[in-house]
Amino acid sequence: MEEYKHSDLTHKIIGCAMQVHSFLGNGFQEVIYQRALALEFTKCGLGFQRELEIPIFYKDHVEPIGLRRVDFLVEGIVLVELNALTLIEDVHLAQTLNYLRVYKIEIGLLINFREKSLNFKRFILSERNDYQALK
């Protein structure tokens, strides 16, 4: 098992997602998976905020330029974005990376429930101060 910052927490989150996917399969809308995952997080004792509205700032501008809701912020340190798509594309990876950058969050997960097997990507801030996707 690969070790990196907060890997224990991301493993728990992915385990919860696997429980949801195992029970529900791959044919529902994203909101159904989101609600089920919230139940699994609660069952596992994970602290989380669902559909957390976070302001987006531009450069050094003091006022936010907009708001965006993230699917989950788990334990205040891992951003979790959900999808229920036939296939994850580069645009979905870029969206997750953008959220991590603007929210200044170091670790992220992109989880897709629509595929036959649960598909997920981990994102972590690299030493070069940019983000990389991990499997």
C-alpha atoms as a PDB file:
ATOM      1  CA  MET A   1       0.000   0.000   0.000  1.00  0.00           C
ATOM      2  CA  GLU A   2       1.460   3.367  -1.070  1.00  0.00           C
ATOM      3  CA  GLU A   3       2.017   5.822   1.785  1.00  0.00           C
ATOM      4  CA  TYR A   4       1.729   9.589   1.489  1.00  0.00           C
ATOM      5  CA  LYS A   5       0.289  12.432   3.534  1.00  0.00           C
ATOM      6  CA  HIS A   6      -3.192  11.540   4.881  1.00  0.00           C
ATOM      7  CA  SER A   7      -3.146   8.147   3.129  1.00  0.00           C
ATOM      8  CA  ASP A   8      -4.957   6.508   6.074  1.00  0.00           C
ATOM      9  CA  LEU A   9      -7.811   8.975   5.674  1.00  0.00           C
ATOM     10  CA  THR A  10      -8.015   8.654   1.892  1.00  0.00           C
ATOM     11  CA  HIS A  11      -8.064   4.855   2.239  1.00  0.00           C
ATOM     12  CA  LYS A  12     -11.041   5.141   4.625  1.00  0.00           C
ATOM     13  CA  ILE A  13     -12.855   7.475   2.227  1.00  0.00           C
ATOM     14  CA  ILE A  14     -12.260   5.140  -0.711  1.00  0.00           C
ATOM     15  CA  GLY A  15     -13.397   2.190   1.418  1.00  0.00           C
ATOM     16  CA  CYS A  16     -16.664   4.010   2.141  1.00  0.00           C
ATOM     17  CA  ALA A  17     -17.099   4.711  -1.574  1.00  0.00           C
ATOM     18  CA  MET A  18     -16.498   1.036  -2.341  1.00  0.00           C
ATOM     19  CA  GLN A  19     -19.229   0.072   0.132  1.00  0.00           C
ATOM     20  CA  VAL A  20     -21.642   2.456  -1.610  1.00  0.00           C
ATOM     21  CA  HIS A  21     -20.709   1.209  -5.092  1.00  0.00           C
ATOM     22  CA  SER A  22     -20.929  -2.423  -4.001  1.00  0.00           C
ATOM     23  CA  PHE A  23     -24.464  -1.915  -2.673  1.00  0.00           C
ATOM     24  CA  LEU A  24     -25.918   0.492  -5.259  1.00  0.00           C
ATOM     25  CA  GLY A  25     -24.049  -0.525  -8.400  1.00  0.00           C
ATOM     26  CA  ASN A  26     -23.430   1.950 -11.189  1.00  0.00           C
ATOM     27  CA  GLY A  27     -26.820   3.193 -12.424  1.00  0.00           C
ATOM     28  CA  PHE A  28     -27.834   6.115 -10.219  1.00  0.00           C
ATOM     29  CA  GLN A  29     -27.487   9.889 -10.324  1.00  0.00           C
ATOM     30  CA  GLU A  30     -24.644  11.562  -8.466  1.00  0.00           C
ATOM     31  CA  VAL A  31     -26.882  12.895  -5.667  1.00  0.00           C
ATOM     32  CA  ILE A  32     -27.894   9.328  -4.699  1.00  0.00           C
ATOM     33  CA  TYR A  33     -24.246   8.333  -4.310  1.00  0.00           C
ATOM     34  CA  GLN A  34     -23.548  11.546  -2.410  1.00  0.00           C
ATOM     35  CA  ARG A  35     -26.303  10.831   0.117  1.00  0.00           C
ATOM     36  CA  ALA A  36     -25.232   7.200   0.541  1.00  0.00           C
ATOM     37  CA  LEU A  37     -21.588   8.219   0.960  1.00  0.00           C
ATOM     38  CA  ALA A  38     -22.571  10.696   3.691  1.00  0.00           C
ATOM     39  CA  LEU A  39     -24.234   7.793   5.536  1.00  0.00           C
ATOM     40  CA  GLU A  40     -21.084   5.667   5.184  1.00  0.00           C
ATOM     41  CA  PHE A  41     -18.877   8.527   6.421  1.00  0.00           C
ATOM     42  CA  THR A  42     -21.106   8.903   9.471  1.00  0.00           C
ATOM     43  CA  LYS A  43     -21.056   5.148  10.090  1.00  0.00           C
ATOM     44  CA  CYS A  44     -17.230   5.177   9.974  1.00  0.00           C
ATOM     45  CA  GLY A  45     -16.982   8.181  12.283  1.00  0.00           C
ATOM     46  CA  LEU A  46     -15.504  10.510   9.672  1.00  0.00           C
ATOM     47  CA  GLY A  47     -16.107  14.221  10.110  1.00  0.00           C
ATOM     48  CA  PHE A  48     -17.265  15.884   6.918  1.00  0.00           C
ATOM     49  CA  GLN A  49     -19.068  18.810   5.388  1.00  0.00           C
ATOM     50  CA  ARG A  50     -21.327  18.106   2.416  1.00  0.00           C
ATOM     51  CA  GLU A  51     -21.871  20.581  -0.416  1.00  0.00           C
ATOM     52  CA  LEU A  52     -19.645  23.064   1.337  1.00  0.00           C
ATOM     53  CA  GLU A  53     -19.838  26.483  -0.289  1.00  0.00           C
ATOM     54  CA  ILE A  54     -16.367  27.956  -0.587  1.00  0.00           C
ATOM     55  CA  PRO A  55     -15.489  31.419  -1.943  1.00  0.00           C
ATOM     56  CA  ILE A  56     -13.161  31.674  -4.930  1.00  0.00           C
ATOM     57  CA  PHE A  57     -10.557  34.426  -4.804  1.00  0.00           C
ATOM     58  CA  TYR A  58      -8.551  35.876  -7.657  1.00  0.00           C
ATOM     59  CA  LYS A  59      -4.908  36.685  -7.008  1.00  0.00           C
ATOM     60  CA  ASP A  60      -4.634  39.184  -4.140  1.00  0.00           C
ATOM     61  CA  HIS A  61      -8.130  40.599  -4.590  1.00  0.00           C
ATOM     62  CA  VAL A  62      -9.815  40.844  -1.166  1.00  0.00           C
ATOM     63  CA  GLU A  63     -13.393  40.126  -2.269  1.00  0.00           C
ATOM     64  CA  PRO A  64     -14.357  36.697  -3.631  1.00  0.00           C
ATOM     65  CA  ILE A  65     -15.200  36.545  -7.333  1.00  0.00           C
ATOM     66  CA  GLY A  66     -17.666  33.708  -6.867  1.00  0.00           C
ATOM     67  CA  LEU A  67     -18.702  30.696  -4.869  1.00  0.00           C
ATOM     68  CA  ARG A  68     -18.511  26.984  -5.622  1.00  0.00           C
ATOM     69  CA  ARG A  69     -19.815  23.997  -3.740  1.00  0.00           C
ATOM     70  CA  VAL A  70     -17.544  21.031  -3.199  1.00  0.00           C
ATOM     71  CA  ASP A  71     -19.204  17.648  -2.727  1.00  0.00           C
ATOM     72  CA  PHE A  72     -17.350  16.878   0.503  1.00  0.00           C
ATOM     73  CA  LEU A  73     -14.590  18.224   2.673  1.00  0.00           C
ATOM     74  CA  VAL A  74     -13.592  15.330   4.932  1.00  0.00           C
ATOM     75  CA  GLU A  75     -11.945  16.005   8.296  1.00  0.00           C
ATOM     76  CA  GLY A  76     -11.247  19.514   7.031  1.00  0.00           C
ATOM     77  CA  ILE A  77      -8.290  18.289   4.937  1.00  0.00           C
ATOM     78  CA  VAL A  78      -9.427  16.089   2.017  1.00  0.00           C
ATOM     79  CA  LEU A  79     -11.578  17.443  -0.801  1.00  0.00           C
ATOM     80  CA  VAL A  80     -13.824  14.775  -2.356  1.00  0.00           C
ATOM     81  CA  GLU A  81     -15.498  15.350  -5.716  1.00  0.00           C
ATOM     82  CA  LEU A  82     -18.032  12.828  -6.978  1.00  0.00           C
ATOM     83  CA  ASN A  83     -19.165  11.976 -10.481  1.00  0.00           C
ATOM     84  CA  ALA A  84     -21.629   9.545 -11.983  1.00  0.00           C
ATOM     85  CA  LEU A  85     -20.326   9.560 -15.544  1.00  0.00           C
ATOM     86  CA  THR A  86     -19.734   6.837 -18.088  1.00  0.00           C
ATOM     87  CA  LEU A  87     -16.108   7.922 -18.340  1.00  0.00           C
ATOM     88  CA  ILE A  88     -13.882  10.371 -16.477  1.00  0.00           C
ATOM     89  CA  GLU A  89     -12.226  12.769 -18.915  1.00  0.00           C
ATOM     90  CA  ASP A  90      -9.378  15.260 -18.617  1.00  0.00           C
ATOM     91  CA  VAL A  91     -11.842  18.104 -17.965  1.00  0.00           C
ATOM     92  CA  HIS A  92     -12.993  16.363 -14.749  1.00  0.00           C
ATOM     93  CA  LEU A  93      -9.403  15.928 -13.594  1.00  0.00           C
ATOM     94  CA  ALA A  94      -8.728  19.599 -14.344  1.00  0.00           C
ATOM     95  CA  GLN A  95     -11.831  20.652 -12.390  1.00  0.00           C
ATOM     96  CA  THR A  96     -10.665  18.780  -9.299  1.00  0.00           C
ATOM     97  CA  LEU A  97      -7.163  20.249  -9.621  1.00  0.00           C
ATOM     98  CA  ASN A  98      -8.635  23.741  -9.950  1.00  0.00           C
ATOM     99  CA  TYR A  99     -10.698  23.265  -6.793  1.00  0.00           C
ATOM    100  CA  LEU A 100      -7.615  22.170  -4.858  1.00  0.00           C
ATOM    101  CA  ARG A 101      -5.660  25.189  -6.060  1.00  0.00           C
ATOM    102  CA  VAL A 102      -8.280  27.849  -5.375  1.00  0.00           C
ATOM    103  CA  TYR A 103      -9.343  26.334  -2.046  1.00  0.00           C
ATOM    104  CA  LYS A 104      -5.700  25.767  -1.041  1.00  0.00           C
ATOM    105  CA  ILE A 105      -6.347  22.154  -0.101  1.00  0.00           C
ATOM    106  CA  GLU A 106      -3.446  19.732  -0.361  1.00  0.00           C
ATOM    107  CA  ILE A 107      -5.202  16.375  -0.885  1.00  0.00           C
ATOM    108  CA  GLY A 108      -8.130  15.508  -3.126  1.00  0.00           C
ATOM    109  CA  LEU A 109     -10.096  12.544  -4.421  1.00  0.00           C
ATOM    110  CA  LEU A 110     -12.163  12.316  -7.581  1.00  0.00           C
ATOM    111  CA  ILE A 111     -14.564   9.362  -7.366  1.00  0.00           C
ATOM    112  CA  ASN A 112     -16.709   8.095 -10.239  1.00  0.00           C
ATOM    113  CA  PHE A 113     -19.585   5.728  -9.447  1.00  0.00           C
ATOM    114  CA  ARG A 114     -21.037   5.186 -12.948  1.00  0.00           C
ATOM    115  CA  GLU A 115     -18.373   2.773 -14.190  1.00  0.00           C
ATOM    116  CA  LYS A 116     -18.689  -0.979 -13.695  1.00  0.00           C
ATOM    117  CA  SER A 117     -15.931  -0.836 -11.073  1.00  0.00           C
ATOM    118  CA  LEU A 118     -15.500   2.158  -8.792  1.00  0.00           C
ATOM    119  CA  ASN A 119     -12.997   4.541 -10.366  1.00  0.00           C
ATOM    120  CA  PHE A 120     -11.031   7.038  -8.285  1.00  0.00           C
ATOM    121  CA  LYS A 121      -8.051   9.335  -8.603  1.00  0.00           C
ATOM    122  CA  ARG A 122      -5.999  10.803  -5.769  1.00  0.00           C
ATOM    123  CA  PHE A 123      -4.432  14.237  -6.024  1.00  0.00           C
ATOM    124  CA  ILE A 124      -1.627  15.513  -3.845  1.00  0.00           C
ATOM    125  CA  LEU A 125       0.490  18.660  -3.750  1.00  0.00           C
ATOM    126  CA  SER A 126       3.954  17.765  -5.024  1.00  0.00           C
ATOM    127  CA  GLU A 127       7.266  19.120  -3.820  1.00  0.00           C
ATOM    128  CA  ARG A 128       7.328  21.475  -6.845  1.00  0.00           C
ATOM    129  CA  ASN A 129       4.166  23.145  -5.470  1.00  0.00           C
ATOM    130  CA  ASP A 130       1.972  21.769  -8.236  1.00  0.00           C
ATOM    131  CA  TYR A 131      -0.528  18.939  -8.180  1.00  0.00           C
ATOM    132  CA  GLN A 132      -0.144  15.437  -9.441  1.00  0.00           C
ATOM    133  CA  ALA A 133      -2.685  12.712  -9.932  1.00  0.00           C
ATOM    134  CA  LEU A 134      -2.000   9.372  -8.273  1.00  0.00           C
ATOM    135  CA  LYS A 135      -3.934   6.154  -8.803  1.00  0.00           C
END
